[in-house]
């Protein structure tokens, strides 16, 4: 019995490698042609760490960098961590008359 002729096997790894090279070239072209402005930085003489602490508790002062307040997020995280600690202690308790 005769079979129909088959084309040569096509190696798909060549297409994958070619796609990776094209993607690398595209990303390199975008990176090399990008233009950035000068960075602003932080004002001189102000403490960044102090400003983060003031922003965490939503306290305003004159000698800190103005930022968003995170008091609600801080309280929610504190409550969730407290609930996790309480749950772990409840699970860790042993009953007096329980199985050993």
PDB file of N, CA and C in Angstrom:
ATOM      1  N   UNK A   1       0.841  -1.145   0.000  1.00  0.00           N
ATOM      2  CA  UNK A   1       0.000   0.000   0.000  1.00  0.00           C
ATOM      3  C   UNK A   1       0.906   1.232   0.000  1.00  0.00           C
ATOM      4  N   UNK A   2       0.539   2.211  -0.761  1.00  0.00           N
ATOM      5  CA  UNK A   2       1.340   3.433  -0.852  1.00  0.00           C
ATOM      6  C   UNK A   2       0.744   4.501   0.056  1.00  0.00           C
ATOM      7  N   UNK A   3       1.595   5.356   0.513  1.00  0.00           N
ATOM      8  CA  UNK A   3       1.144   6.463   1.359  1.00  0.00           C
ATOM      9  C   UNK A   3       1.412   7.758   0.621  1.00  0.00           C
ATOM     10  N   UNK A   4       0.701   8.747   1.012  1.00  0.00           N
ATOM     11  CA  UNK A   4       0.891  10.031   0.338  1.00  0.00           C
ATOM     12  C   UNK A   4       2.225  10.632   0.772  1.00  0.00           C
ATOM     13  N   UNK A   5       2.821  11.468  -0.016  1.00  0.00           N
ATOM     14  CA  UNK A   5       4.102  12.064   0.348  1.00  0.00           C
ATOM     15  C   UNK A   5       3.908  13.083   1.477  1.00  0.00           C
ATOM     16  N   UNK A   6       4.848  13.115   2.366  1.00  0.00           N
ATOM     17  CA  UNK A   6       4.797  14.046   3.493  1.00  0.00           C
ATOM     18  C   UNK A   6       5.868  15.110   3.317  1.00  0.00           C
ATOM     19  N   UNK A   7       5.501  16.308   3.755  1.00  0.00           N
ATOM     20  CA  UNK A   7       6.483  17.385   3.726  1.00  0.00           C
ATOM     21  C   UNK A   7       7.481  17.177   4.858  1.00  0.00           C
ATOM     22  N   UNK A   8       8.600  17.811   4.727  1.00  0.00           N
ATOM     23  CA  UNK A   8       9.630  17.679   5.757  1.00  0.00           C
ATOM     24  C   UNK A   8       9.092  18.245   7.074  1.00  0.00           C
ATOM     25  N   UNK A   9       9.515  17.631   8.174  1.00  0.00           N
ATOM     26  CA  UNK A   9       9.087  18.090   9.490  1.00  0.00           C
ATOM     27  C   UNK A   9       9.585  19.518   9.706  1.00  0.00           C
ATOM     28  N   UNK A  10       8.699  20.376  10.228  1.00  0.00           N
ATOM     29  CA  UNK A  10       9.056  21.765  10.488  1.00  0.00           C
ATOM     30  C   UNK A  10       9.380  21.906  11.958  1.00  0.00           C
ATOM     31  N   UNK A  11      10.544  22.444  12.252  1.00  0.00           N
ATOM     32  CA  UNK A  11      10.980  22.597  13.636  1.00  0.00           C
ATOM     33  C   UNK A  11      10.370  23.873  14.222  1.00  0.00           C
ATOM     34  N   UNK A  12       9.490  23.716  15.196  1.00  0.00           N
ATOM     35  CA  UNK A  12       8.800  24.867  15.780  1.00  0.00           C
ATOM     36  C   UNK A  12       9.690  25.673  16.716  1.00  0.00           C
ATOM     37  N   UNK A  13      10.777  25.110  17.162  1.00  0.00           N
ATOM     38  CA  UNK A  13      11.662  25.859  18.054  1.00  0.00           C
ATOM     39  C   UNK A  13      12.322  27.027  17.316  1.00  0.00           C
ATOM     40  N   UNK A  14      12.441  26.923  15.998  1.00  0.00           N
ATOM     41  CA  UNK A  14      13.003  28.025  15.219  1.00  0.00           C
ATOM     42  C   UNK A  14      12.074  29.233  15.293  1.00  0.00           C
ATOM     43  N   UNK A  15      10.765  29.008  15.181  1.00  0.00           N
ATOM     44  CA  UNK A  15       9.801  30.101  15.255  1.00  0.00           C
ATOM     45  C   UNK A  15       9.814  30.722  16.645  1.00  0.00           C
ATOM     46  N   UNK A  16       9.890  29.898  17.677  1.00  0.00           N
ATOM     47  CA  UNK A  16       9.934  30.404  19.041  1.00  0.00           C
ATOM     48  C   UNK A  16      11.186  31.252  19.266  1.00  0.00           C
ATOM     49  N   UNK A  17      12.307  30.786  18.811  1.00  0.00           N
ATOM     50  CA  UNK A  17      13.557  31.543  18.949  1.00  0.00           C
ATOM     51  C   UNK A  17      13.517  32.845  18.166  1.00  0.00           C
ATOM     52  N   UNK A  18      12.971  32.813  16.958  1.00  0.00           N
ATOM     53  CA  UNK A  18      12.863  34.017  16.149  1.00  0.00           C
ATOM     54  C   UNK A  18      11.932  35.035  16.818  1.00  0.00           C
ATOM     55  N   UNK A  19      10.841  34.566  17.395  1.00  0.00           N
ATOM     56  CA  UNK A  19       9.918  35.466  18.101  1.00  0.00           C
ATOM     57  C   UNK A  19      10.611  36.097  19.314  1.00  0.00           C
ATOM     58  N   UNK A  20      11.431  35.342  20.023  1.00  0.00           N
ATOM     59  CA  UNK A  20      12.155  35.881  21.173  1.00  0.00           C
ATOM     60  C   UNK A  20      13.157  36.944  20.734  1.00  0.00           C
ATOM     61  N   UNK A  21      13.846  36.717  19.633  1.00  0.00           N
ATOM     62  CA  UNK A  21      14.816  37.700  19.136  1.00  0.00           C
ATOM     63  C   UNK A  21      14.105  38.976  18.702  1.00  0.00           C
ATOM     64  N   UNK A  22      12.971  38.844  18.022  1.00  0.00           N
ATOM     65  CA  UNK A  22      12.210  40.023  17.587  1.00  0.00           C
ATOM     66  C   UNK A  22      11.695  40.800  18.798  1.00  0.00           C
ATOM     67  N   UNK A  23      11.186  40.102  19.799  1.00  0.00           N
ATOM     68  CA  UNK A  23      10.699  40.762  21.007  1.00  0.00           C
ATOM     69  C   UNK A  23      11.836  41.471  21.738  1.00  0.00           C
ATOM     70  N   UNK A  24      12.999  40.837  21.818  1.00  0.00           N
ATOM     71  CA  UNK A  24      14.153  41.473  22.444  1.00  0.00           C
ATOM     72  C   UNK A  24      14.553  42.732  21.692  1.00  0.00           C
ATOM     73  N   UNK A  25      14.570  42.674  20.372  1.00  0.00           N
ATOM     74  CA  UNK A  25      14.914  43.844  19.559  1.00  0.00           C
ATOM     75  C   UNK A  25      13.916  44.977  19.752  1.00  0.00           C
ATOM     76  N   UNK A  26      12.636  44.653  19.826  1.00  0.00           N
ATOM     77  CA  UNK A  26      11.613  45.661  20.050  1.00  0.00           C
ATOM     78  C   UNK A  26      11.769  46.318  21.416  1.00  0.00           C
ATOM     79  N   UNK A  27      11.987  45.500  22.460  1.00  0.00           N
ATOM     80  CA  UNK A  27      12.168  46.043  23.807  1.00  0.00           C
ATOM     81  C   UNK A  27      13.441  46.896  23.887  1.00  0.00           C
ATOM     82  N   UNK A  28      14.507  46.481  23.237  1.00  0.00           N
ATOM     83  CA  UNK A  28      15.742  47.260  23.241  1.00  0.00           C
ATOM     84  C   UNK A  28      15.536  48.592  22.528  1.00  0.00           C
ATOM     85  N   UNK A  29      14.805  48.587  21.404  1.00  0.00           N
ATOM     86  CA  UNK A  29      14.547  49.827  20.676  1.00  0.00           C
ATOM     87  C   UNK A  29      13.716  50.792  21.522  1.00  0.00           C
ATOM     88  N   UNK A  30      12.711  50.290  22.210  1.00  0.00           N
ATOM     89  CA  UNK A  30      11.887  51.150  23.065  1.00  0.00           C
ATOM     90  C   UNK A  30      12.718  51.702  24.209  1.00  0.00           C
ATOM     91  N   UNK A  31      13.535  50.883  24.825  1.00  0.00           N
ATOM     92  CA  UNK A  31      14.351  51.324  25.957  1.00  0.00           C
ATOM     93  C   UNK A  31      15.387  52.354  25.533  1.00  0.00           C
ATOM     94  N   UNK A  32      16.026  52.138  24.404  1.00  0.00           N
ATOM     95  CA  UNK A  32      17.092  53.043  23.977  1.00  0.00           C
ATOM     96  C   UNK A  32      16.564  54.365  23.446  1.00  0.00           C
ATOM     97  N   UNK A  33      15.330  54.416  22.963  1.00  0.00           N
ATOM     98  CA  UNK A  33      14.793  55.662  22.427  1.00  0.00           C
ATOM     99  C   UNK A  33      13.922  56.417  23.434  1.00  0.00           C
ATOM    100  N   UNK A  34      13.737  55.872  24.639  1.00  0.00           N
ATOM    101  CA  UNK A  34      12.912  56.548  25.648  1.00  0.00           C
ATOM    102  C   UNK A  34      13.655  57.759  26.193  1.00  0.00           C
ATOM    103  N   UNK A  35      12.886  58.817  26.461  1.00  0.00           N
ATOM    104  CA  UNK A  35      13.478  60.022  27.019  1.00  0.00           C
ATOM    105  C   UNK A  35      12.808  60.312  28.357  1.00  0.00           C
ATOM    106  N   UNK A  36      13.623  60.632  29.347  1.00  0.00           N
ATOM    107  CA  UNK A  36      13.128  60.873  30.687  1.00  0.00           C
ATOM    108  C   UNK A  36      13.420  62.313  31.087  1.00  0.00           C
ATOM    109  N   UNK A  37      12.521  62.874  31.892  1.00  0.00           N
ATOM    110  CA  UNK A  37      12.752  64.201  32.455  1.00  0.00           C
ATOM    111  C   UNK A  37      13.733  64.091  33.612  1.00  0.00           C
ATOM    112  N   UNK A  38      14.191  65.235  34.085  1.00  0.00           N
ATOM    113  CA  UNK A  38      15.068  65.242  35.240  1.00  0.00           C
ATOM    114  C   UNK A  38      14.263  64.853  36.479  1.00  0.00           C
ATOM    115  N   UNK A  39      14.802  64.017  37.344  1.00  0.00           N
ATOM    116  CA  UNK A  39      14.073  63.643  38.565  1.00  0.00           C
ATOM    117  C   UNK A  39      13.940  64.843  39.500  1.00  0.00           C
ATOM    118  N   UNK A  40      12.802  64.928  40.167  1.00  0.00           N
ATOM    119  CA  UNK A  40      12.551  66.047  41.082  1.00  0.00           C
ATOM    120  C   UNK A  40      13.276  65.853  42.399  1.00  0.00           C
ATOM    121  N   UNK A  41      13.222  64.651  42.952  1.00  0.00           N
ATOM    122  CA  UNK A  41      13.861  64.398  44.236  1.00  0.00           C
ATOM    123  C   UNK A  41      13.049  64.959  45.381  1.00  0.00           C
ATOM    124  N   UNK A  42      13.592  64.863  46.566  1.00  0.00           N
ATOM    125  CA  UNK A  42      12.929  65.369  47.765  1.00  0.00           C
ATOM    126  C   UNK A  42      13.490  66.740  48.107  1.00  0.00           C
ATOM    127  N   UNK A  43      12.696  67.568  48.761  1.00  0.00           N
ATOM    128  CA  UNK A  43      13.204  68.879  49.176  1.00  0.00           C
ATOM    129  C   UNK A  43      14.374  68.726  50.150  1.00  0.00           C
ATOM    130  N   UNK A  44      15.305  69.628  50.072  1.00  0.00           N
ATOM    131  CA  UNK A  44      16.490  69.564  50.930  1.00  0.00           C
ATOM    132  C   UNK A  44      16.123  69.874  52.371  1.00  0.00           C
ATOM    133  N   UNK A  45      16.731  69.152  53.293  1.00  0.00           N
ATOM    134  CA  UNK A  45      16.552  69.420  54.705  1.00  0.00           C
ATOM    135  C   UNK A  45      15.349  68.760  55.344  1.00  0.00           C
ATOM    136  N   UNK A  46      14.566  68.009  54.604  1.00  0.00           N
ATOM    137  CA  UNK A  46      13.403  67.335  55.178  1.00  0.00           C
ATOM    138  C   UNK A  46      13.680  65.844  55.315  1.00  0.00           C
ATOM    139  N   UNK A  47      13.209  65.247  56.393  1.00  0.00           N
ATOM    140  CA  UNK A  47      13.445  63.834  56.655  1.00  0.00           C
ATOM    141  C   UNK A  47      12.374  62.981  55.970  1.00  0.00           C
ATOM    142  N   UNK A  48      12.813  62.046  55.134  1.00  0.00           N
ATOM    143  CA  UNK A  48      11.882  61.167  54.444  1.00  0.00           C
ATOM    144  C   UNK A  48      11.259  60.179  55.427  1.00  0.00           C
ATOM    145  N   UNK A  49      12.051  59.645  56.346  1.00  0.00           N
ATOM    146  CA  UNK A  49      11.551  58.666  57.313  1.00  0.00           C
ATOM    147  C   UNK A  49      10.514  59.308  58.237  1.00  0.00           C
ATOM    148  N   UNK A  50      10.795  60.509  58.684  1.00  0.00           N
ATOM    149  CA  UNK A  50       9.846  61.231  59.529  1.00  0.00           C
ATOM    150  C   UNK A  50       8.544  61.486  58.763  1.00  0.00           C
ATOM    151  N   UNK A  51       8.661  61.810  57.490  1.00  0.00           N
ATOM    152  CA  UNK A  51       7.474  62.068  56.672  1.00  0.00           C
ATOM    153  C   UNK A  51       6.644  60.813  56.478  1.00  0.00           C
ATOM    154  N   UNK A  52       7.302  59.666  56.344  1.00  0.00           N
ATOM    155  CA  UNK A  52       6.573  58.400  56.208  1.00  0.00           C
ATOM    156  C   UNK A  52       5.815  58.103  57.497  1.00  0.00           C
ATOM    157  N   UNK A  53       6.448  58.326  58.641  1.00  0.00           N
ATOM    158  CA  UNK A  53       5.775  58.112  59.924  1.00  0.00           C
ATOM    159  C   UNK A  53       4.584  59.027  60.106  1.00  0.00           C
ATOM    160  N   UNK A  54       4.725  60.294  59.732  1.00  0.00           N
ATOM    161  CA  UNK A  54       3.615  61.237  59.856  1.00  0.00           C
ATOM    162  C   UNK A  54       2.480  60.861  58.901  1.00  0.00           C
ATOM    163  N   UNK A  55       2.815  60.394  57.685  1.00  0.00           N
ATOM    164  CA  UNK A  55       1.789  60.001  56.725  1.00  0.00           C
ATOM    165  C   UNK A  55       1.069  58.739  57.182  1.00  0.00           C
ATOM    166  N   UNK A  56       1.794  57.830  57.848  1.00  0.00           N
ATOM    167  CA  UNK A  56       1.172  56.584  58.292  1.00  0.00           C
ATOM    168  C   UNK A  56       0.044  56.856  59.275  1.00  0.00           C
ATOM    169  N   UNK A  57       0.245  57.829  60.167  1.00  0.00           N
ATOM    170  CA  UNK A  57      -0.766  58.133  61.169  1.00  0.00           C
ATOM    171  C   UNK A  57      -1.604  59.357  60.806  1.00  0.00           C
ATOM    172  N   UNK A  58      -1.457  59.842  59.572  1.00  0.00           N
ATOM    173  CA  UNK A  58      -2.247  60.962  59.043  1.00  0.00           C
ATOM    174  C   UNK A  58      -2.101  62.212  59.916  1.00  0.00           C
ATOM    175  N   UNK A  59      -0.854  62.528  60.282  1.00  0.00           N
ATOM    176  CA  UNK A  59      -0.540  63.716  61.068  1.00  0.00           C
ATOM    177  C   UNK A  59       0.093  64.731  60.129  1.00  0.00           C
ATOM    178  N   UNK A  60      -0.325  65.966  60.230  1.00  0.00           N
ATOM    179  CA  UNK A  60       0.274  66.985  59.377  1.00  0.00           C
ATOM    180  C   UNK A  60       1.194  67.875  60.212  1.00  0.00           C
ATOM    181  N   UNK A  61       2.283  68.287  59.601  1.00  0.00           N
ATOM    182  CA  UNK A  61       3.245  69.179  60.250  1.00  0.00           C
ATOM    183  C   UNK A  61       3.897  70.018  59.169  1.00  0.00           C
ATOM    184  N   UNK A  62       4.603  71.040  59.577  1.00  0.00           N
ATOM    185  CA  UNK A  62       5.192  71.960  58.602  1.00  0.00           C
ATOM    186  C   UNK A  62       6.508  71.445  58.028  1.00  0.00           C
ATOM    187  N   UNK A  63       7.243  70.644  58.774  1.00  0.00           N
ATOM    188  CA  UNK A  63       8.573  70.228  58.326  1.00  0.00           C
ATOM    189  C   UNK A  63       8.595  68.798  57.775  1.00  0.00           C
ATOM    190  N   UNK A  64       7.492  68.342  57.190  1.00  0.00           N
ATOM    191  CA  UNK A  64       7.448  67.012  56.582  1.00  0.00           C
ATOM    192  C   UNK A  64       6.987  67.133  55.142  1.00  0.00           C
ATOM    193  N   UNK A  65       7.310  66.128  54.357  1.00  0.00           N
ATOM    194  CA  UNK A  65       6.884  66.068  52.970  1.00  0.00           C
ATOM    195  C   UNK A  65       5.408  65.675  52.952  1.00  0.00           C
ATOM    196  N   UNK A  66       4.603  66.396  52.205  1.00  0.00           N
ATOM    197  CA  UNK A  66       3.159  66.133  52.164  1.00  0.00           C
ATOM    198  C   UNK A  66       2.912  64.813  51.438  1.00  0.00           C
ATOM    199  N   UNK A  67       2.062  63.979  52.017  1.00  0.00           N
ATOM    200  CA  UNK A  67       1.736  62.693  51.413  1.00  0.00           C
ATOM    201  C   UNK A  67       0.326  62.278  51.778  1.00  0.00           C
ATOM    202  N   UNK A  68      -0.065  61.122  51.296  1.00  0.00           N
ATOM    203  CA  UNK A  68      -1.383  60.575  51.599  1.00  0.00           C
ATOM    204  C   UNK A  68      -1.385  59.991  53.004  1.00  0.00           C
ATOM    205  N   UNK A  69      -2.525  60.055  53.667  1.00  0.00           N
ATOM    206  CA  UNK A  69      -2.660  59.465  54.986  1.00  0.00           C
ATOM    207  C   UNK A  69      -3.006  57.991  54.893  1.00  0.00           C
ATOM    208  N   UNK A  70      -2.421  57.190  55.755  1.00  0.00           N
ATOM    209  CA  UNK A  70      -2.639  55.747  55.730  1.00  0.00           C
ATOM    210  C   UNK A  70      -3.181  55.234  57.050  1.00  0.00           C
ATOM    211  N   UNK A  71      -3.891  56.059  57.788  1.00  0.00           N
ATOM    212  CA  UNK A  71      -4.371  55.656  59.100  1.00  0.00           C
ATOM    213  C   UNK A  71      -5.372  54.509  58.995  1.00  0.00           C
ATOM    214  N   UNK A  72      -6.296  54.580  58.042  1.00  0.00           N
ATOM    215  CA  UNK A  72      -7.300  53.513  57.892  1.00  0.00           C
ATOM    216  C   UNK A  72      -6.624  52.189  57.532  1.00  0.00           C
ATOM    217  N   UNK A  73      -5.684  52.219  56.602  1.00  0.00           N
ATOM    218  CA  UNK A  73      -4.982  50.994  56.218  1.00  0.00           C
ATOM    219  C   UNK A  73      -4.183  50.444  57.386  1.00  0.00           C
ATOM    220  N   UNK A  74      -3.552  51.311  58.160  1.00  0.00           N
ATOM    221  CA  UNK A  74      -2.779  50.883  59.322  1.00  0.00           C
ATOM    222  C   UNK A  74      -3.675  50.193  60.345  1.00  0.00           C
ATOM    223  N   UNK A  75      -4.849  50.768  60.610  1.00  0.00           N
ATOM    224  CA  UNK A  75      -5.767  50.172  61.581  1.00  0.00           C
ATOM    225  C   UNK A  75      -6.338  48.845  61.085  1.00  0.00           C
ATOM    226  N   UNK A  76      -6.660  48.764  59.803  1.00  0.00           N
ATOM    227  CA  UNK A  76      -7.190  47.511  59.251  1.00  0.00           C
ATOM    228  C   UNK A  76      -6.151  46.402  59.347  1.00  0.00           C
ATOM    229  N   UNK A  77      -4.906  46.719  59.017  1.00  0.00           N
ATOM    230  CA  UNK A  77      -3.839  45.720  59.114  1.00  0.00           C
ATOM    231  C   UNK A  77      -3.650  45.290  60.565  1.00  0.00           C
ATOM    232  N   UNK A  78      -3.720  46.239  61.509  1.00  0.00           N
ATOM    233  CA  UNK A  78      -3.567  45.904  62.928  1.00  0.00           C
ATOM    234  C   UNK A  78      -4.679  44.973  63.395  1.00  0.00           C
ATOM    235  N   UNK A  79      -5.907  45.231  62.976  1.00  0.00           N
ATOM    236  CA  UNK A  79      -7.039  44.386  63.383  1.00  0.00           C
ATOM    237  C   UNK A  79      -6.908  42.993  62.784  1.00  0.00           C
ATOM    238  N   UNK A  80      -6.527  42.903  61.520  1.00  0.00           N
ATOM    239  CA  UNK A  80      -6.382  41.588  60.867  1.00  0.00           C
ATOM    240  C   UNK A  80      -5.263  40.790  61.522  1.00  0.00           C
ATOM    241  N   UNK A  81      -4.137  41.429  61.824  1.00  0.00           N
ATOM    242  CA  UNK A  81      -3.045  40.715  62.478  1.00  0.00           C
ATOM    243  C   UNK A  81      -3.433  40.273  63.886  1.00  0.00           C
ATOM    244  N   UNK A  82      -4.196  41.098  64.603  1.00  0.00           N
ATOM    245  CA  UNK A  82      -4.664  40.715  65.931  1.00  0.00           C
ATOM    246  C   UNK A  82      -5.616  39.522  65.841  1.00  0.00           C
ATOM    247  N   UNK A  83      -6.501  39.522  64.865  1.00  0.00           N
ATOM    248  CA  UNK A  83      -7.418  38.388  64.688  1.00  0.00           C
ATOM    249  C   UNK A  83      -6.647  37.115  64.340  1.00  0.00           C
ATOM    250  N   UNK A  84      -5.592  37.234  63.526  1.00  0.00           N
ATOM    251  CA  UNK A  84      -4.780  36.064  63.187  1.00  0.00           C
ATOM    252  C   UNK A  84      -4.057  35.526  64.414  1.00  0.00           C
ATOM    253  N   UNK A  85      -3.548  36.422  65.252  1.00  0.00           N
ATOM    254  CA  UNK A  85      -2.882  35.992  66.476  1.00  0.00           C
ATOM    255  C   UNK A  85      -3.867  35.307  67.420  1.00  0.00           C
ATOM    256  N   UNK A  86      -5.061  35.886  67.585  1.00  0.00           N
ATOM    257  CA  UNK A  86      -6.077  35.263  68.431  1.00  0.00           C
ATOM    258  C   UNK A  86      -6.482  33.893  67.901  1.00  0.00           C
ATOM    259  N   UNK A  87      -6.632  33.786  66.602  1.00  0.00           N
ATOM    260  CA  UNK A  87      -6.980  32.494  66.006  1.00  0.00           C
ATOM    261  C   UNK A  87      -5.895  31.460  66.202  1.00  0.00           C
ATOM    262  N   UNK A  88      -4.631  31.878  66.063  1.00  0.00           N
ATOM    263  CA  UNK A  88      -3.540  30.917  66.256  1.00  0.00           C
ATOM    264  C   UNK A  88      -3.467  30.456  67.708  1.00  0.00           C
ATOM    265  N   UNK A  89      -3.722  31.371  68.644  1.00  0.00           N
ATOM    266  CA  UNK A  89      -3.728  30.965  70.056  1.00  0.00           C
ATOM    267  C   UNK A  89      -4.899  30.043  70.358  1.00  0.00           C
ATOM    268  N   UNK A  90      -6.044  30.288  69.758  1.00  0.00           N
ATOM    269  CA  UNK A  90      -7.196  29.426  69.978  1.00  0.00           C
ATOM    270  C   UNK A  90      -6.932  28.020  69.424  1.00  0.00           C
ATOM    271  N   UNK A  91      -6.307  27.940  68.263  1.00  0.00           N
ATOM    272  CA  UNK A  91      -6.006  26.635  67.681  1.00  0.00           C
ATOM    273  C   UNK A  91      -4.905  25.905  68.442  1.00  0.00           C
ATOM    274  N   UNK A  92      -4.041  26.647  69.106  1.00  0.00           N
ATOM    275  CA  UNK A  92      -2.916  26.028  69.811  1.00  0.00           C
ATOM    276  C   UNK A  92      -3.282  25.538  71.202  1.00  0.00           C
ATOM    277  N   UNK A  93      -4.439  25.932  71.710  1.00  0.00           N
ATOM    278  CA  UNK A  93      -4.821  25.503  73.052  1.00  0.00           C
ATOM    279  C   UNK A  93      -5.060  23.994  73.082  1.00  0.00           C
ATOM    280  N   UNK A  94      -4.739  23.417  74.222  1.00  0.00           N
ATOM    281  CA  UNK A  94      -4.988  21.984  74.395  1.00  0.00           C
ATOM    282  C   UNK A  94      -6.087  21.805  75.439  1.00  0.00           C
ATOM    283  N   UNK A  95      -6.963  20.869  75.176  1.00  0.00           N
ATOM    284  CA  UNK A  95      -8.015  20.561  76.145  1.00  0.00           C
ATOM    285  C   UNK A  95      -7.426  19.704  77.255  1.00  0.00           C
ATOM    286  N   UNK A  96      -7.960  19.869  78.453  1.00  0.00           N
ATOM    287  CA  UNK A  96      -7.486  19.086  79.600  1.00  0.00           C
ATOM    288  C   UNK A  96      -7.828  17.610  79.458  1.00  0.00           C
ATOM    289  N   UNK A  97      -9.024  17.310  78.994  1.00  0.00           N
ATOM    290  CA  UNK A  97      -9.441  15.918  78.907  1.00  0.00           C
ATOM    291  C   UNK A  97      -9.387  15.366  77.486  1.00  0.00           C
ATOM    292  N   UNK A  98      -8.667  15.986  76.616  1.00  0.00           N
ATOM    293  CA  UNK A  98      -8.643  15.574  75.219  1.00  0.00           C
ATOM    294  C   UNK A  98      -7.702  14.402  74.970  1.00  0.00           C
ATOM    295  N   UNK A  99      -7.649  14.006  73.728  1.00  0.00           N
ATOM    296  CA  UNK A  99      -6.762  12.899  73.330  1.00  0.00           C
ATOM    297  C   UNK A  99      -5.322  13.348  73.384  1.00  0.00           C
ATOM    298  N   UNK A 100      -4.446  12.407  73.618  1.00  0.00           N
ATOM    299  CA  UNK A 100      -3.026  12.740  73.695  1.00  0.00           C
ATOM    300  C   UNK A 100      -2.311  12.388  72.415  1.00  0.00           C
TER     301      UNK A 100
END
